[in-house]
C-alpha cells in the first residue's frame, strides 16, 4: 500500500507488477533448468514422469523457495511438452 502512495499508482499496480516479475523469473529458471538437463528431459518425455518432481524441486531451489509452485508446475508442463 505504501508503494502506491510513493509512486502514485493504484494500490493493485505494485502487486500486479510484482506477480509479473515473479512469473518472468520462474519462466527463466524453468528454461535454464530444462536447457541444462537435456538428458533428463528426454527421459521424462519417454515416460518417466517421476523426474518431473525433481525438476520442480530444482526450480524451487534455484529461486530460494520463492517461486509459486503451481506456476512452476504449469510452466514446466508446457516446456516439457514441446
N, C-alpha and C. Protein backbone atom coordinates (compact mmCIF):
# COMPACT_ATOMS: atom_id res chain seq x y z
N UNK A 1 0.83 -1.19 0.00
CA UNK A 1 0.00 0.00 0.00
C UNK A 1 0.87 1.25 0.00
N UNK A 2 1.96 1.24 0.76
CA UNK A 2 2.85 2.40 0.78
C UNK A 2 3.44 2.67 -0.59
N UNK A 3 3.70 1.60 -1.35
CA UNK A 3 4.24 1.77 -2.69
C UNK A 3 3.28 2.57 -3.56
N UNK A 4 2.01 2.40 -3.37
CA UNK A 4 1.02 3.13 -4.15
C UNK A 4 1.09 4.62 -3.84
N UNK A 5 1.30 4.96 -2.57
CA UNK A 5 1.39 6.36 -2.20
C UNK A 5 2.67 7.00 -2.75
N UNK A 6 3.74 6.27 -2.72
CA UNK A 6 5.02 6.85 -3.16
C UNK A 6 5.14 6.92 -4.68
N UNK A 7 4.42 6.06 -5.39
CA UNK A 7 4.52 6.05 -6.86
C UNK A 7 3.34 6.71 -7.54
N UNK A 8 2.23 6.89 -6.82
CA UNK A 8 1.05 7.46 -7.42
C UNK A 8 0.23 6.44 -8.20
N UNK A 9 0.64 5.18 -8.18
CA UNK A 9 -0.09 4.13 -8.88
C UNK A 9 -1.26 3.66 -8.04
N UNK A 10 -2.19 2.98 -8.70
CA UNK A 10 -3.30 2.36 -7.98
C UNK A 10 -2.74 1.30 -7.06
N UNK A 11 -3.39 1.04 -5.91
CA UNK A 11 -2.86 0.06 -4.95
C UNK A 11 -2.57 -1.31 -5.53
N UNK A 12 -3.32 -1.76 -6.51
CA UNK A 12 -3.10 -3.10 -7.07
C UNK A 12 -1.91 -3.13 -8.03
N UNK A 13 -1.53 -1.99 -8.58
CA UNK A 13 -0.47 -1.96 -9.60
C UNK A 13 0.85 -2.55 -9.11
N UNK A 14 1.34 -2.21 -7.90
CA UNK A 14 2.61 -2.83 -7.46
C UNK A 14 2.50 -4.34 -7.32
N UNK A 15 1.37 -4.83 -6.85
CA UNK A 15 1.19 -6.27 -6.69
C UNK A 15 1.18 -6.96 -8.05
N UNK A 16 0.52 -6.36 -9.02
CA UNK A 16 0.48 -6.93 -10.37
C UNK A 16 1.88 -6.94 -10.98
N UNK A 17 2.60 -5.84 -10.82
CA UNK A 17 3.96 -5.76 -11.35
C UNK A 17 4.86 -6.80 -10.70
N UNK A 18 4.70 -7.00 -9.41
CA UNK A 18 5.49 -7.99 -8.69
C UNK A 18 5.17 -9.40 -9.17
N UNK A 19 3.89 -9.69 -9.39
CA UNK A 19 3.49 -11.01 -9.87
C UNK A 19 4.03 -11.26 -11.27
N UNK A 20 4.00 -10.24 -12.12
CA UNK A 20 4.52 -10.38 -13.47
C UNK A 20 6.02 -10.62 -13.45
N UNK A 21 6.73 -9.89 -12.60
CA UNK A 21 8.18 -10.07 -12.49
C UNK A 21 8.49 -11.47 -11.99
N UNK A 22 7.72 -11.95 -11.03
CA UNK A 22 7.92 -13.29 -10.48
C UNK A 22 7.71 -14.35 -11.57
N UNK A 23 6.68 -14.17 -12.38
CA UNK A 23 6.39 -15.12 -13.45
C UNK A 23 7.53 -15.14 -14.48
N UNK A 24 8.09 -13.99 -14.78
CA UNK A 24 9.22 -13.94 -15.71
C UNK A 24 10.43 -14.67 -15.15
N UNK A 25 10.68 -14.51 -13.87
CA UNK A 25 11.79 -15.20 -13.22
C UNK A 25 11.54 -16.71 -13.25
N UNK A 26 10.33 -17.12 -12.92
CA UNK A 26 10.00 -18.55 -12.92
C UNK A 26 10.19 -19.14 -14.32
N UNK A 27 9.72 -18.45 -15.34
CA UNK A 27 9.88 -18.94 -16.71
C UNK A 27 11.36 -19.05 -17.08
N UNK A 28 12.13 -18.06 -16.68
CA UNK A 28 13.57 -18.05 -16.99
C UNK A 28 14.28 -19.20 -16.30
N UNK A 29 13.97 -19.44 -15.03
CA UNK A 29 14.61 -20.51 -14.28
C UNK A 29 14.22 -21.87 -14.85
N UNK A 30 12.94 -22.04 -15.20
CA UNK A 30 12.49 -23.30 -15.82
C UNK A 30 13.24 -23.53 -17.12
N UNK A 31 13.31 -22.49 -17.94
CA UNK A 31 14.01 -22.62 -19.24
C UNK A 31 15.47 -23.01 -19.01
N UNK A 32 16.14 -22.37 -18.06
CA UNK A 32 17.53 -22.69 -17.77
C UNK A 32 17.71 -24.12 -17.31
N UNK A 33 16.82 -24.58 -16.41
CA UNK A 33 16.93 -25.96 -15.90
C UNK A 33 16.69 -26.98 -17.01
N UNK A 34 15.68 -26.74 -17.83
CA UNK A 34 15.37 -27.68 -18.92
C UNK A 34 16.52 -27.70 -19.93
N UNK A 35 17.05 -26.53 -20.26
CA UNK A 35 18.16 -26.47 -21.21
C UNK A 35 19.41 -27.14 -20.64
N UNK A 36 19.62 -27.01 -19.34
CA UNK A 36 20.81 -27.57 -18.68
C UNK A 36 20.73 -29.08 -18.55
N UNK A 37 19.53 -29.61 -18.37
CA UNK A 37 19.36 -31.04 -18.09
C UNK A 37 18.65 -31.74 -19.24
N UNK A 38 19.20 -31.62 -20.46
CA UNK A 38 18.58 -32.19 -21.65
C UNK A 38 18.37 -33.69 -21.60
N UNK A 39 19.31 -34.39 -20.99
CA UNK A 39 19.18 -35.85 -20.90
C UNK A 39 17.96 -36.22 -20.05
N UNK A 40 17.78 -35.53 -18.93
CA UNK A 40 16.63 -35.83 -18.07
C UNK A 40 15.32 -35.45 -18.76
N UNK A 41 15.34 -34.39 -19.56
CA UNK A 41 14.14 -34.01 -20.31
C UNK A 41 13.74 -35.14 -21.25
N UNK A 42 14.71 -35.73 -21.93
CA UNK A 42 14.40 -36.85 -22.83
C UNK A 42 13.84 -38.04 -22.05
N UNK A 43 14.37 -38.29 -20.86
CA UNK A 43 13.87 -39.40 -20.03
C UNK A 43 12.42 -39.14 -19.62
N UNK A 44 12.10 -37.92 -19.22
CA UNK A 44 10.73 -37.58 -18.84
C UNK A 44 9.80 -37.72 -20.04
N UNK A 45 10.24 -37.21 -21.18
CA UNK A 45 9.41 -37.29 -22.38
C UNK A 45 9.20 -38.73 -22.83
N UNK A 46 10.10 -39.63 -22.44
CA UNK A 46 9.94 -41.03 -22.81
C UNK A 46 9.01 -41.77 -21.85
N UNK A 47 8.54 -41.10 -20.81
CA UNK A 47 7.54 -41.71 -19.93
C UNK A 47 7.87 -41.73 -18.45
N UNK A 48 9.06 -41.37 -18.03
CA UNK A 48 9.42 -41.40 -16.60
C UNK A 48 9.00 -40.10 -15.93
N UNK A 49 7.73 -40.00 -15.62
CA UNK A 49 7.18 -38.78 -15.04
C UNK A 49 7.64 -38.52 -13.60
N UNK A 50 8.23 -39.50 -12.96
CA UNK A 50 8.70 -39.33 -11.58
C UNK A 50 9.76 -38.23 -11.49
N UNK A 51 10.48 -38.00 -12.57
CA UNK A 51 11.51 -36.96 -12.57
C UNK A 51 10.93 -35.55 -12.65
N UNK A 52 9.67 -35.45 -12.96
CA UNK A 52 9.02 -34.14 -13.04
C UNK A 52 9.14 -33.40 -11.71
N UNK A 53 8.90 -34.11 -10.63
CA UNK A 53 9.01 -33.52 -9.29
C UNK A 53 10.42 -33.04 -8.99
N UNK A 54 11.40 -33.75 -9.51
CA UNK A 54 12.79 -33.33 -9.32
C UNK A 54 13.02 -31.98 -9.99
N UNK A 55 12.49 -31.82 -11.20
CA UNK A 55 12.63 -30.54 -11.90
C UNK A 55 11.96 -29.41 -11.12
N UNK A 56 10.77 -29.66 -10.61
CA UNK A 56 10.07 -28.65 -9.81
C UNK A 56 10.94 -28.27 -8.61
N UNK A 57 11.49 -29.27 -7.94
CA UNK A 57 12.36 -29.02 -6.79
C UNK A 57 13.58 -28.20 -7.15
N UNK A 58 14.17 -28.46 -8.31
CA UNK A 58 15.35 -27.70 -8.74
C UNK A 58 15.00 -26.24 -9.01
N UNK A 59 13.84 -26.00 -9.59
CA UNK A 59 13.41 -24.62 -9.83
C UNK A 59 13.17 -23.93 -8.50
N UNK A 60 12.50 -24.61 -7.58
CA UNK A 60 12.24 -24.02 -6.27
C UNK A 60 13.55 -23.72 -5.55
N UNK A 61 14.51 -24.63 -5.66
CA UNK A 61 15.82 -24.43 -5.04
C UNK A 61 16.52 -23.22 -5.66
N UNK A 62 16.44 -23.11 -6.97
CA UNK A 62 17.10 -22.00 -7.68
C UNK A 62 16.52 -20.64 -7.32
N UNK A 63 15.24 -20.62 -6.94
CA UNK A 63 14.60 -19.35 -6.58
C UNK A 63 14.55 -19.14 -5.07
N UNK A 64 15.24 -19.99 -4.34
CA UNK A 64 15.24 -19.85 -2.89
C UNK A 64 13.87 -20.12 -2.28
N UNK A 65 13.07 -20.93 -2.96
CA UNK A 65 11.74 -21.27 -2.45
C UNK A 65 10.71 -20.19 -2.67
N UNK A 66 11.05 -19.15 -3.41
CA UNK A 66 10.14 -18.02 -3.59
C UNK A 66 9.21 -18.16 -4.79
N UNK A 67 9.48 -19.13 -5.66
CA UNK A 67 8.63 -19.32 -6.84
C UNK A 67 7.28 -19.89 -6.42
N UNK A 68 6.28 -19.62 -7.22
CA UNK A 68 4.94 -20.16 -6.99
C UNK A 68 4.94 -21.59 -7.54
N UNK A 69 4.80 -22.60 -6.68
CA UNK A 69 4.87 -23.99 -7.14
C UNK A 69 3.84 -24.33 -8.22
N UNK A 70 2.65 -23.78 -8.12
CA UNK A 70 1.62 -24.05 -9.13
C UNK A 70 2.04 -23.47 -10.48
N UNK A 71 2.59 -22.27 -10.47
CA UNK A 71 3.06 -21.65 -11.71
C UNK A 71 4.23 -22.43 -12.28
N UNK A 72 5.14 -22.87 -11.42
CA UNK A 72 6.29 -23.67 -11.88
C UNK A 72 5.81 -24.95 -12.53
N UNK A 73 4.85 -25.62 -11.91
CA UNK A 73 4.30 -26.85 -12.48
C UNK A 73 3.73 -26.60 -13.87
N UNK A 74 2.94 -25.55 -14.01
CA UNK A 74 2.30 -25.24 -15.30
C UNK A 74 3.33 -24.89 -16.36
N UNK A 75 4.28 -24.04 -16.01
CA UNK A 75 5.32 -23.64 -16.96
C UNK A 75 6.14 -24.85 -17.38
N UNK A 76 6.49 -25.67 -16.40
CA UNK A 76 7.31 -26.86 -16.68
C UNK A 76 6.57 -27.86 -17.55
N UNK A 77 5.28 -28.05 -17.29
CA UNK A 77 4.49 -28.96 -18.13
C UNK A 77 4.50 -28.50 -19.58
N UNK A 78 4.29 -27.19 -19.78
CA UNK A 78 4.29 -26.67 -21.15
C UNK A 78 5.67 -26.80 -21.81
N UNK A 79 6.70 -26.52 -21.04
CA UNK A 79 8.06 -26.58 -21.59
C UNK A 79 8.44 -28.01 -21.95
N UNK A 80 8.08 -28.97 -21.11
CA UNK A 80 8.45 -30.37 -21.37
C UNK A 80 7.58 -30.99 -22.46
N UNK A 81 6.40 -30.43 -22.68
CA UNK A 81 5.54 -30.96 -23.74
C UNK A 81 6.06 -30.60 -25.13
N UNK A 82 6.80 -29.50 -25.21
CA UNK A 82 7.23 -29.01 -26.52
C UNK A 82 8.56 -29.39 -26.89
